[in-house]
Amino acid sequence: MKFLKNYFSFLKKKKKRIYLIYEDEKDFLIKNLCKEKIIAIDTEFDWRNTYFPKLSLIQISTKDTVFLVDCLNLTKASELKNLLENLDLLIFHSVRSDATVLFSALDIKVKNVFDVQIAEKFLSKNSNKNYGEIVKKYISLNLKKTETNSNWLKRPLTEMQIDYASDDVEYLIEIYQLQKKKLKSNFDEVLRVSNEEASLGNQELFVSRLAKINHLSDLEKKIFMWRENLAIKKNVPPSYVFKSKQLKKIFNILKNDADIRSLEAILKDSSLAKDLYEKLG
């Protein structure tokens, strides 16, 4: 495994070595990570037009190295899964979203988590600091966020994307160490809340979506799950089937045994309307 080829001049300011890891270089990654007890993690993904997120990169930082794991052609992740699920500590910023992506894409359930954003809520009056603000506070660096909405599914990755992706994970361990000193008696509480957030990501996507809708009847839950299962089958966002705000309308149609054409008007698909009407009407 070679250090990132022709390393870009504007990246030489970085303190850590950076490796771009492809499918056939996983052994190099695992060999290096097996030596570690604490690592930091971030992910880059696309989640615009699918039910399941499309994982592009897993960024992993140790005390002296950053690994950018290309996940577009990753076929087997069992060794990585085993390693990440059994480390002493995983450091994240805003763990729930990364946990959701890792679980949905690779069946990885993260635990033993410290979230620097949650820690900052215990340490700062401004409880909504983003990653850039936290880096500025502890590392005195201004991060460029120009690649936030770039196309992470396109290959090869650009110099700017590599810089952005490595920035997102490079400073997490140092921030954790500084925050830990400040937290004192609150440290265990930060760990508890961090792991609660991680657990919310370590579950099927429909669980958290269903939890956001209060006081549903049994029929409404069945309608909701019909939509989820169809979205899973087609790998599209549930809103592509029907929007959540239309759930009550569909419920009233089925409850009152209204004309199927009312369902067709909402679903804009006669075959889907017929399927829903026959199964739940």
C-alpha atoms as a PDB file:
ATOM      1  CA  MET A   1       0.000   0.000   0.000  1.00  0.00           C
ATOM      2  CA  LYS A   2       1.420   3.362  -1.046  1.00  0.00           C
ATOM      3  CA  PHE A   3       0.981   6.786   0.417  1.00  0.00           C
ATOM      4  CA  LEU A   4      -1.480   8.836  -1.659  1.00  0.00           C
ATOM      5  CA  LYS A   5       0.235   9.328  -5.024  1.00  0.00           C
ATOM      6  CA  ASN A   6       1.438  12.753  -6.149  1.00  0.00           C
ATOM      7  CA  TYR A   7       0.209  14.345  -2.977  1.00  0.00           C
ATOM      8  CA  PHE A   8      -1.214  17.754  -3.697  1.00  0.00           C
ATOM      9  CA  SER A   9       0.861  20.718  -2.590  1.00  0.00           C
ATOM     10  CA  PHE A  10      -2.004  22.450  -0.813  1.00  0.00           C
ATOM     11  CA  LEU A  11      -2.469  19.391   1.386  1.00  0.00           C
ATOM     12  CA  LYS A  12       1.112  19.425   2.696  1.00  0.00           C
ATOM     13  CA  LYS A  13       0.001  21.591   5.593  1.00  0.00           C
ATOM     14  CA  LYS A  14      -1.714  18.572   7.110  1.00  0.00           C
ATOM     15  CA  LYS A  15      -0.098  16.892  10.087  1.00  0.00           C
ATOM     16  CA  LYS A  16      -1.280  13.363   9.318  1.00  0.00           C
ATOM     17  CA  ARG A  17      -0.490  10.915   6.556  1.00  0.00           C
ATOM     18  CA  ILE A  18      -3.453  10.271   4.291  1.00  0.00           C
ATOM     19  CA  TYR A  19      -4.171   7.003   2.489  1.00  0.00           C
ATOM     20  CA  LEU A  20      -6.935   6.374  -0.028  1.00  0.00           C
ATOM     21  CA  ILE A  21      -8.106   2.774   0.479  1.00  0.00           C
ATOM     22  CA  TYR A  22      -9.733   0.712  -2.265  1.00  0.00           C
ATOM     23  CA  GLU A  23     -11.316  -2.743  -2.175  1.00  0.00           C
ATOM     24  CA  ASP A  24      -8.071  -4.656  -2.708  1.00  0.00           C
ATOM     25  CA  GLU A  25      -6.276  -2.689   0.027  1.00  0.00           C
ATOM     26  CA  LYS A  26      -8.559  -3.551   2.939  1.00  0.00           C
ATOM     27  CA  ASP A  27      -5.928  -5.808   4.519  1.00  0.00           C
ATOM     28  CA  PHE A  28      -3.593  -2.817   4.835  1.00  0.00           C
ATOM     29  CA  LEU A  29      -6.375  -0.855   6.508  1.00  0.00           C
ATOM     30  CA  ILE A  30      -7.316  -3.594   8.980  1.00  0.00           C
ATOM     31  CA  LYS A  31      -3.677  -4.316   9.824  1.00  0.00           C
ATOM     32  CA  ASN A  32      -3.152  -0.674  10.778  1.00  0.00           C
ATOM     33  CA  LEU A  33      -6.422  -0.223  12.648  1.00  0.00           C
ATOM     34  CA  CYS A  34      -5.925  -3.367  14.732  1.00  0.00           C
ATOM     35  CA  LYS A  35      -3.196  -1.485  16.574  1.00  0.00           C
ATOM     36  CA  GLU A  36      -5.587   1.239  17.694  1.00  0.00           C
ATOM     37  CA  LYS A  37      -7.895   1.537  20.689  1.00  0.00           C
ATOM     38  CA  ILE A  38      -9.354   4.935  19.772  1.00  0.00           C
ATOM     39  CA  ILE A  39     -10.239   6.161  16.289  1.00  0.00           C
ATOM     40  CA  ALA A  40     -12.329   8.954  14.811  1.00  0.00           C
ATOM     41  CA  ILE A  41     -14.892   8.392  12.047  1.00  0.00           C
ATOM     42  CA  ASP A  42     -16.907  10.373   9.538  1.00  0.00           C
ATOM     43  CA  THR A  43     -18.800   9.425   6.367  1.00  0.00           C
ATOM     44  CA  GLU A  44     -19.617  10.963   3.005  1.00  0.00           C
ATOM     45  CA  PHE A  45     -22.724   9.735   1.224  1.00  0.00           C
ATOM     46  CA  ASP A  46     -25.545  10.590  -1.145  1.00  0.00           C
ATOM     47  CA  TRP A  47     -29.132  10.237   0.091  1.00  0.00           C
ATOM     48  CA  ARG A  48     -31.301  12.220  -2.274  1.00  0.00           C
ATOM     49  CA  ASN A  49     -33.192   9.799  -4.477  1.00  0.00           C
ATOM     50  CA  THR A  50     -32.972   6.432  -2.699  1.00  0.00           C
ATOM     51  CA  TYR A  51     -34.419   4.702   0.347  1.00  0.00           C
ATOM     52  CA  PHE A  52     -31.006   3.515   1.481  1.00  0.00           C
ATOM     53  CA  PRO A  53     -28.067   5.937   1.629  1.00  0.00           C
ATOM     54  CA  LYS A  54     -25.316   5.427  -0.941  1.00  0.00           C
ATOM     55  CA  LEU A  55     -22.120   5.352   1.085  1.00  0.00           C
ATOM     56  CA  SER A  56     -19.194   6.960  -0.723  1.00  0.00           C
ATOM     57  CA  LEU A  57     -16.428   7.211   1.878  1.00  0.00           C
ATOM     58  CA  ILE A  58     -15.653   6.213   5.410  1.00  0.00           C
ATOM     59  CA  GLN A  59     -13.013   8.544   6.810  1.00  0.00           C
ATOM     60  CA  ILE A  60     -11.029   7.055   9.672  1.00  0.00           C
ATOM     61  CA  SER A  61      -8.437   8.939  11.692  1.00  0.00           C
ATOM     62  CA  THR A  62      -5.873   7.579  14.131  1.00  0.00           C
ATOM     63  CA  LYS A  63      -3.431   9.745  16.078  1.00  0.00           C
ATOM     64  CA  ASP A  64      -1.129  10.072  13.069  1.00  0.00           C
ATOM     65  CA  THR A  65      -2.973   8.777   9.970  1.00  0.00           C
ATOM     66  CA  VAL A  66      -6.159   9.380   8.000  1.00  0.00           C
ATOM     67  CA  PHE A  67      -7.654   6.588   5.898  1.00  0.00           C
ATOM     68  CA  LEU A  68     -10.237   7.443   3.235  1.00  0.00           C
ATOM     69  CA  VAL A  69     -12.032   4.170   2.504  1.00  0.00           C
ATOM     70  CA  ASP A  70     -13.688   4.117  -0.916  1.00  0.00           C
ATOM     71  CA  CYS A  71     -16.996   2.321  -0.368  1.00  0.00           C
ATOM     72  CA  LEU A  72     -18.522   2.441  -3.861  1.00  0.00           C
ATOM     73  CA  ASN A  73     -17.010  -0.927  -4.768  1.00  0.00           C
ATOM     74  CA  LEU A  74     -16.729  -2.374  -1.284  1.00  0.00           C
ATOM     75  CA  THR A  75     -18.087  -5.927  -1.491  1.00  0.00           C
ATOM     76  CA  LYS A  76     -17.270  -7.365   1.928  1.00  0.00           C
ATOM     77  CA  ALA A  77     -17.001  -5.351   5.118  1.00  0.00           C
ATOM     78  CA  SER A  78     -17.113  -8.101   7.749  1.00  0.00           C
ATOM     79  CA  GLU A  79     -13.582  -7.434   9.043  1.00  0.00           C
ATOM     80  CA  LEU A  80     -14.187  -3.685   9.184  1.00  0.00           C
ATOM     81  CA  LYS A  81     -17.542  -4.279  10.884  1.00  0.00           C
ATOM     82  CA  ASN A  82     -15.955  -6.530  13.508  1.00  0.00           C
ATOM     83  CA  LEU A  83     -13.195  -4.030  14.166  1.00  0.00           C
ATOM     84  CA  LEU A  84     -15.410  -0.948  14.470  1.00  0.00           C
ATOM     85  CA  GLU A  85     -17.923  -2.710  16.702  1.00  0.00           C
ATOM     86  CA  ASN A  86     -15.232  -3.768  19.171  1.00  0.00           C
ATOM     87  CA  LEU A  87     -12.945  -0.753  19.569  1.00  0.00           C
ATOM     88  CA  ASP A  88     -12.596   0.919  22.966  1.00  0.00           C
ATOM     89  CA  LEU A  89     -13.797   4.287  21.677  1.00  0.00           C
ATOM     90  CA  LEU A  90     -15.145   5.788  18.449  1.00  0.00           C
ATOM     91  CA  ILE A  91     -15.155   9.563  18.124  1.00  0.00           C
ATOM     92  CA  PHE A  92     -17.752  11.308  15.934  1.00  0.00           C
ATOM     93  CA  HIS A  93     -19.252  14.688  15.279  1.00  0.00           C
ATOM     94  CA  SER A  94     -23.042  14.313  15.232  1.00  0.00           C
ATOM     95  CA  VAL A  95     -23.012  10.533  15.531  1.00  0.00           C
ATOM     96  CA  ARG A  96     -26.634   9.731  14.729  1.00  0.00           C
ATOM     97  CA  SER A  97     -26.417  10.481  11.000  1.00  0.00           C
ATOM     98  CA  ASP A  98     -23.147   8.562  10.568  1.00  0.00           C
ATOM     99  CA  ALA A  99     -24.480   5.656  12.636  1.00  0.00           C
ATOM    100  CA  THR A 100     -27.590   5.545  10.454  1.00  0.00           C
ATOM    101  CA  VAL A 101     -25.521   5.432   7.261  1.00  0.00           C
ATOM    102  CA  LEU A 102     -23.077   2.821   8.567  1.00  0.00           C
ATOM    103  CA  PHE A 103     -25.881   0.565   9.766  1.00  0.00           C
ATOM    104  CA  SER A 104     -28.023   0.961   6.637  1.00  0.00           C
ATOM    105  CA  ALA A 105     -25.136   0.513   4.203  1.00  0.00           C
ATOM    106  CA  LEU A 106     -22.843  -1.993   5.955  1.00  0.00           C
ATOM    107  CA  ASP A 107     -24.796  -3.362   8.946  1.00  0.00           C
ATOM    108  CA  ILE A 108     -22.259  -1.780  11.305  1.00  0.00           C
ATOM    109  CA  LYS A 109     -23.621  -0.945  14.757  1.00  0.00           C
ATOM    110  CA  VAL A 110     -21.379   1.620  16.390  1.00  0.00           C
ATOM    111  CA  LYS A 111     -21.007   1.679  20.161  1.00  0.00           C
ATOM    112  CA  ASN A 112     -18.530   3.002  22.739  1.00  0.00           C
ATOM    113  CA  VAL A 113     -19.065   6.430  21.213  1.00  0.00           C
ATOM    114  CA  PHE A 114     -17.970   9.963  22.114  1.00  0.00           C
ATOM    115  CA  ASP A 115     -19.686  12.755  20.156  1.00  0.00           C
ATOM    116  CA  VAL A 116     -17.767  16.065  20.160  1.00  0.00           C
ATOM    117  CA  GLN A 117     -20.931  17.999  19.300  1.00  0.00           C
ATOM    118  CA  ILE A 118     -22.750  16.562  22.323  1.00  0.00           C
ATOM    119  CA  ALA A 119     -19.697  17.286  24.474  1.00  0.00           C
ATOM    120  CA  GLU A 120     -19.750  20.892  23.305  1.00  0.00           C
ATOM    121  CA  LYS A 121     -23.341  21.236  24.503  1.00  0.00           C
ATOM    122  CA  PHE A 122     -22.052  20.549  28.002  1.00  0.00           C
ATOM    123  CA  LEU A 123     -19.182  23.007  27.604  1.00  0.00           C
ATOM    124  CA  SER A 124     -20.620  25.932  25.686  1.00  0.00           C
ATOM    125  CA  LYS A 125     -23.572  28.289  25.927  1.00  0.00           C
ATOM    126  CA  ASN A 126     -23.925  27.939  22.154  1.00  0.00           C
ATOM    127  CA  SER A 127     -25.229  24.371  22.077  1.00  0.00           C
ATOM    128  CA  ASN A 128     -25.617  24.211  18.282  1.00  0.00           C
ATOM    129  CA  LYS A 129     -22.006  24.644  17.193  1.00  0.00           C
ATOM    130  CA  ASN A 130     -21.208  22.939  13.900  1.00  0.00           C
ATOM    131  CA  TYR A 131     -17.993  21.045  13.230  1.00  0.00           C
ATOM    132  CA  GLY A 132     -16.244  24.049  11.696  1.00  0.00           C
ATOM    133  CA  GLU A 133     -16.963  26.167  14.769  1.00  0.00           C
ATOM    134  CA  ILE A 134     -15.697  23.447  17.097  1.00  0.00           C
ATOM    135  CA  VAL A 135     -12.468  23.078  15.082  1.00  0.00           C
ATOM    136  CA  LYS A 136     -12.026  26.849  15.144  1.00  0.00           C
ATOM    137  CA  LYS A 137     -12.447  26.884  18.933  1.00  0.00           C
ATOM    138  CA  TYR A 138     -10.051  24.041  19.757  1.00  0.00           C
ATOM    139  CA  ILE A 139      -7.619  23.890  16.818  1.00  0.00           C
ATOM    140  CA  SER A 140      -7.708  27.551  15.650  1.00  0.00           C
ATOM    141  CA  LEU A 141      -8.298  26.580  12.028  1.00  0.00           C
ATOM    142  CA  ASN A 142     -10.912  27.831   9.576  1.00  0.00           C
ATOM    143  CA  LEU A 143     -12.164  24.875   7.553  1.00  0.00           C
ATOM    144  CA  LYS A 144     -13.437  25.277   4.011  1.00  0.00           C
ATOM    145  CA  LYS A 145     -16.914  23.756   3.583  1.00  0.00           C
ATOM    146  CA  THR A 146     -17.221  24.214  -0.172  1.00  0.00           C
ATOM    147  CA  GLU A 147     -17.570  20.480  -0.900  1.00  0.00           C
ATOM    148  CA  THR A 148     -20.503  19.778   1.439  1.00  0.00           C
ATOM    149  CA  ASN A 149     -22.934  19.303  -1.452  1.00  0.00           C
ATOM    150  CA  SER A 150     -20.521  18.009  -4.065  1.00  0.00           C
ATOM    151  CA  ASN A 151     -21.083  14.767  -5.980  1.00  0.00           C
ATOM    152  CA  TRP A 152     -19.590  12.125  -3.686  1.00  0.00           C
ATOM    153  CA  LEU A 153     -20.558   9.311  -6.063  1.00  0.00           C
ATOM    154  CA  LYS A 154     -18.323  10.565  -8.883  1.00  0.00           C
ATOM    155  CA  ARG A 155     -14.874   9.098  -9.380  1.00  0.00           C
ATOM    156  CA  PRO A 156     -12.070   9.980  -9.274  1.00  0.00           C
ATOM    157  CA  LEU A 157     -12.425  12.196  -6.225  1.00  0.00           C
ATOM    158  CA  THR A 158     -11.143  15.718  -6.716  1.00  0.00           C
ATOM    159  CA  GLU A 159      -8.330  17.320  -4.754  1.00  0.00           C
ATOM    160  CA  MET A 160     -10.894  19.534  -3.016  1.00  0.00           C
ATOM    161  CA  GLN A 161     -13.032  16.545  -2.014  1.00  0.00           C
ATOM    162  CA  ILE A 162     -10.038  14.705  -0.545  1.00  0.00           C
ATOM    163  CA  ASP A 163      -9.056  17.812   1.397  1.00  0.00           C
ATOM    164  CA  TYR A 164     -12.615  18.276   2.685  1.00  0.00           C
ATOM    165  CA  ALA A 165     -13.085  14.607   3.607  1.00  0.00           C
ATOM    166  CA  SER A 166      -9.810  14.387   5.499  1.00  0.00           C
ATOM    167  CA  ASP A 167     -10.501  17.687   7.309  1.00  0.00           C
ATOM    168  CA  ASP A 168     -13.795  16.279   8.580  1.00  0.00           C
ATOM    169  CA  VAL A 169     -12.035  13.597  10.607  1.00  0.00           C
ATOM    170  CA  GLU A 170      -8.430  14.712  11.094  1.00  0.00           C
ATOM    171  CA  TYR A 171      -8.962  16.857  14.194  1.00  0.00           C
ATOM    172  CA  LEU A 172     -11.546  14.799  16.082  1.00  0.00           C
ATOM    173  CA  ILE A 173      -9.135  12.916  18.350  1.00  0.00           C
ATOM    174  CA  GLU A 174      -7.356  16.102  19.379  1.00  0.00           C
ATOM    175  CA  ILE A 175     -10.693  17.822  20.069  1.00  0.00           C
ATOM    176  CA  TYR A 176     -11.828  14.818  22.125  1.00  0.00           C
ATOM    177  CA  GLN A 177      -8.680  14.986  24.254  1.00  0.00           C
ATOM    178  CA  LEU A 178      -9.149  18.706  24.920  1.00  0.00           C
ATOM    179  CA  GLN A 179     -12.844  18.347  25.684  1.00  0.00           C
ATOM    180  CA  LYS A 180     -12.262  15.418  28.020  1.00  0.00           C
ATOM    181  CA  LYS A 181     -10.027  17.571  30.220  1.00  0.00           C
ATOM    182  CA  LYS A 182     -12.716  20.242  30.430  1.00  0.00           C
ATOM    183  CA  LEU A 183     -15.661  17.906  31.002  1.00  0.00           C
ATOM    184  CA  LYS A 184     -14.359  16.390  34.250  1.00  0.00           C
ATOM    185  CA  SER A 185     -17.398  14.960  36.087  1.00  0.00           C
ATOM    186  CA  ASN A 186     -19.601  15.365  33.003  1.00  0.00           C
ATOM    187  CA  PHE A 187     -17.510  12.999  30.888  1.00  0.00           C
ATOM    188  CA  ASP A 188     -19.531   9.873  31.696  1.00  0.00           C
ATOM    189  CA  GLU A 189     -22.759  11.728  30.982  1.00  0.00           C
ATOM    190  CA  VAL A 190     -21.463  12.757  27.554  1.00  0.00           C
ATOM    191  CA  LEU A 191     -20.632   9.120  26.839  1.00  0.00           C
ATOM    192  CA  ARG A 192     -24.129   8.076  27.895  1.00  0.00           C
ATOM    193  CA  VAL A 193     -25.878  10.638  25.678  1.00  0.00           C
ATOM    194  CA  SER A 194     -23.508   9.922  22.778  1.00  0.00           C
ATOM    195  CA  ASN A 195     -24.342   6.235  22.905  1.00  0.00           C
ATOM    196  CA  GLU A 196     -28.059   6.978  23.100  1.00  0.00           C
ATOM    197  CA  GLU A 197     -27.719   8.957  19.871  1.00  0.00           C
ATOM    198  CA  ALA A 198     -25.728   6.146  18.275  1.00  0.00           C
ATOM    199  CA  SER A 199     -28.412   3.615  19.213  1.00  0.00           C
ATOM    200  CA  LEU A 200     -31.010   5.717  17.379  1.00  0.00           C
ATOM    201  CA  GLY A 201     -28.941   5.278  14.233  1.00  0.00           C
ATOM    202  CA  ASN A 202     -28.375   1.547  14.816  1.00  0.00           C
ATOM    203  CA  GLN A 203     -31.861   0.533  13.725  1.00  0.00           C
ATOM    204  CA  GLU A 204     -34.031   0.098  10.680  1.00  0.00           C
ATOM    205  CA  LEU A 205     -34.859   3.400   9.019  1.00  0.00           C
ATOM    206  CA  PHE A 206     -38.620   3.056   9.427  1.00  0.00           C
ATOM    207  CA  VAL A 207     -38.320   2.873  13.236  1.00  0.00           C
ATOM    208  CA  SER A 208     -37.191   6.471  13.661  1.00  0.00           C
ATOM    209  CA  ARG A 209     -39.570   7.671  10.951  1.00  0.00           C
ATOM    210  CA  LEU A 210     -42.514   6.009  12.642  1.00  0.00           C
ATOM    211  CA  ALA A 211     -41.487   7.444  16.018  1.00  0.00           C
ATOM    212  CA  LYS A 212     -41.822  10.974  14.636  1.00  0.00           C
ATOM    213  CA  ILE A 213     -45.544  10.462  13.973  1.00  0.00           C
ATOM    214  CA  ASN A 214     -47.548  10.394  17.199  1.00  0.00           C
ATOM    215  CA  HIS A 215     -50.755   8.573  18.117  1.00  0.00           C
ATOM    216  CA  LEU A 216     -51.275   6.474  14.999  1.00  0.00           C
ATOM    217  CA  SER A 217     -54.084   3.956  14.846  1.00  0.00           C
ATOM    218  CA  ASP A 218     -53.370   0.362  13.840  1.00  0.00           C
ATOM    219  CA  LEU A 219     -54.666   1.069  10.333  1.00  0.00           C
ATOM    220  CA  GLU A 220     -52.469   4.142   9.996  1.00  0.00           C
ATOM    221  CA  LYS A 221     -49.425   2.114  11.038  1.00  0.00           C
ATOM    222  CA  LYS A 222     -50.282  -0.493   8.410  1.00  0.00           C
ATOM    223  CA  ILE A 223     -50.578   2.205   5.753  1.00  0.00           C
ATOM    224  CA  PHE A 224     -47.254   3.651   6.897  1.00  0.00           C
ATOM    225  CA  MET A 225     -45.536   0.259   6.666  1.00  0.00           C
ATOM    226  CA  TRP A 226     -47.099  -0.442   3.269  1.00  0.00           C
ATOM    227  CA  ARG A 227     -45.398   2.723   2.043  1.00  0.00           C
ATOM    228  CA  GLU A 228     -42.090   1.809   3.714  1.00  0.00           C
ATOM    229  CA  ASN A 229     -42.033  -1.701   2.244  1.00  0.00           C
ATOM    230  CA  LEU A 230     -42.826  -0.389  -1.222  1.00  0.00           C
ATOM    231  CA  ALA A 231     -40.102   2.261  -0.906  1.00  0.00           C
ATOM    232  CA  ILE A 232     -37.617  -0.407   0.212  1.00  0.00           C
ATOM    233  CA  LYS A 233     -38.553  -2.626  -2.734  1.00  0.00           C
ATOM    234  CA  LYS A 234     -38.081   0.207  -5.227  1.00  0.00           C
ATOM    235  CA  ASN A 235     -35.214   1.817  -3.258  1.00  0.00           C
ATOM    236  CA  VAL A 236     -36.817   5.243  -3.389  1.00  0.00           C
ATOM    237  CA  PRO A 237     -37.577   7.769  -0.626  1.00  0.00           C
ATOM    238  CA  PRO A 238     -40.950   7.023   1.046  1.00  0.00           C
ATOM    239  CA  SER A 239     -42.145  10.486   0.007  1.00  0.00           C
ATOM    240  CA  TYR A 240     -41.951   9.299  -3.609  1.00  0.00           C
ATOM    241  CA  VAL A 241     -44.827   6.904  -2.806  1.00  0.00           C
ATOM    242  CA  PHE A 242     -46.848   9.490  -0.908  1.00  0.00           C
ATOM    243  CA  LYS A 243     -45.949  12.318   1.442  1.00  0.00           C
ATOM    244  CA  SER A 244     -46.423  11.873   5.188  1.00  0.00           C
ATOM    245  CA  LYS A 245     -48.950  14.698   5.309  1.00  0.00           C
ATOM    246  CA  GLN A 246     -51.223  12.583   3.076  1.00  0.00           C
ATOM    247  CA  LEU A 247     -51.347   9.701   5.563  1.00  0.00           C
ATOM    248  CA  LYS A 248     -54.520  10.998   7.249  1.00  0.00           C
ATOM    249  CA  LYS A 249     -56.283  11.422   3.897  1.00  0.00           C
ATOM    250  CA  ILE A 250     -55.460   7.867   2.880  1.00  0.00           C
ATOM    251  CA  PHE A 251     -56.534   6.614   6.290  1.00  0.00           C
ATOM    252  CA  ASN A 252     -59.944   8.311   5.947  1.00  0.00           C
ATOM    253  CA  ILE A 253     -60.428   6.897   2.454  1.00  0.00           C
ATOM    254  CA  LEU A 254     -59.761   3.331   3.610  1.00  0.00           C
ATOM    255  CA  LYS A 255     -61.612   3.706   6.897  1.00  0.00           C
ATOM    256  CA  ASN A 256     -64.753   4.966   5.161  1.00  0.00           C
ATOM    257  CA  ASP A 257     -64.468   2.533   2.238  1.00  0.00           C
ATOM    258  CA  ALA A 258     -64.419   5.435  -0.215  1.00  0.00           C
ATOM    259  CA  ASP A 259     -64.047   5.101  -3.960  1.00  0.00           C
ATOM    260  CA  ILE A 260     -60.673   3.746  -5.097  1.00  0.00           C
ATOM    261  CA  ARG A 261     -60.375   6.722  -7.436  1.00  0.00           C
ATOM    262  CA  SER A 262     -59.692   8.868  -4.370  1.00  0.00           C
ATOM    263  CA  LEU A 263     -56.604   6.773  -3.710  1.00  0.00           C
ATOM    264  CA  GLU A 264     -55.550   6.989  -7.341  1.00  0.00           C
ATOM    265  CA  ALA A 265     -55.696  10.774  -7.121  1.00  0.00           C
ATOM    266  CA  ILE A 266     -53.203  10.733  -4.221  1.00  0.00           C
ATOM    267  CA  LEU A 267     -50.901   7.948  -5.378  1.00  0.00           C
ATOM    268  CA  LYS A 268     -51.107   8.869  -9.083  1.00  0.00           C
ATOM    269  CA  ASP A 269     -50.805   5.165  -9.908  1.00  0.00           C
ATOM    270  CA  SER A 270     -53.854   2.946 -10.366  1.00  0.00           C
ATOM    271  CA  SER A 271     -51.959  -0.297  -9.721  1.00  0.00           C
ATOM    272  CA  LEU A 272     -50.584   1.000  -6.418  1.00  0.00           C
ATOM    273  CA  ALA A 273     -54.007   2.281  -5.402  1.00  0.00           C
ATOM    274  CA  LYS A 274     -55.526  -1.117  -6.164  1.00  0.00           C
ATOM    275  CA  ASP A 275     -52.816  -2.927  -4.184  1.00  0.00           C
ATOM    276  CA  LEU A 276     -53.288  -0.689  -1.130  1.00  0.00           C
ATOM    277  CA  TYR A 277     -57.082  -0.833  -1.357  1.00  0.00           C
ATOM    278  CA  GLU A 278     -57.140  -4.624  -1.590  1.00  0.00           C
ATOM    279  CA  LYS A 279     -54.632  -5.176   1.213  1.00  0.00           C
ATOM    280  CA  LEU A 280     -55.890  -2.648   3.724  1.00  0.00           C
ATOM    281  CA  GLY A 281     -59.285  -1.405   2.562  1.00  0.00           C
END
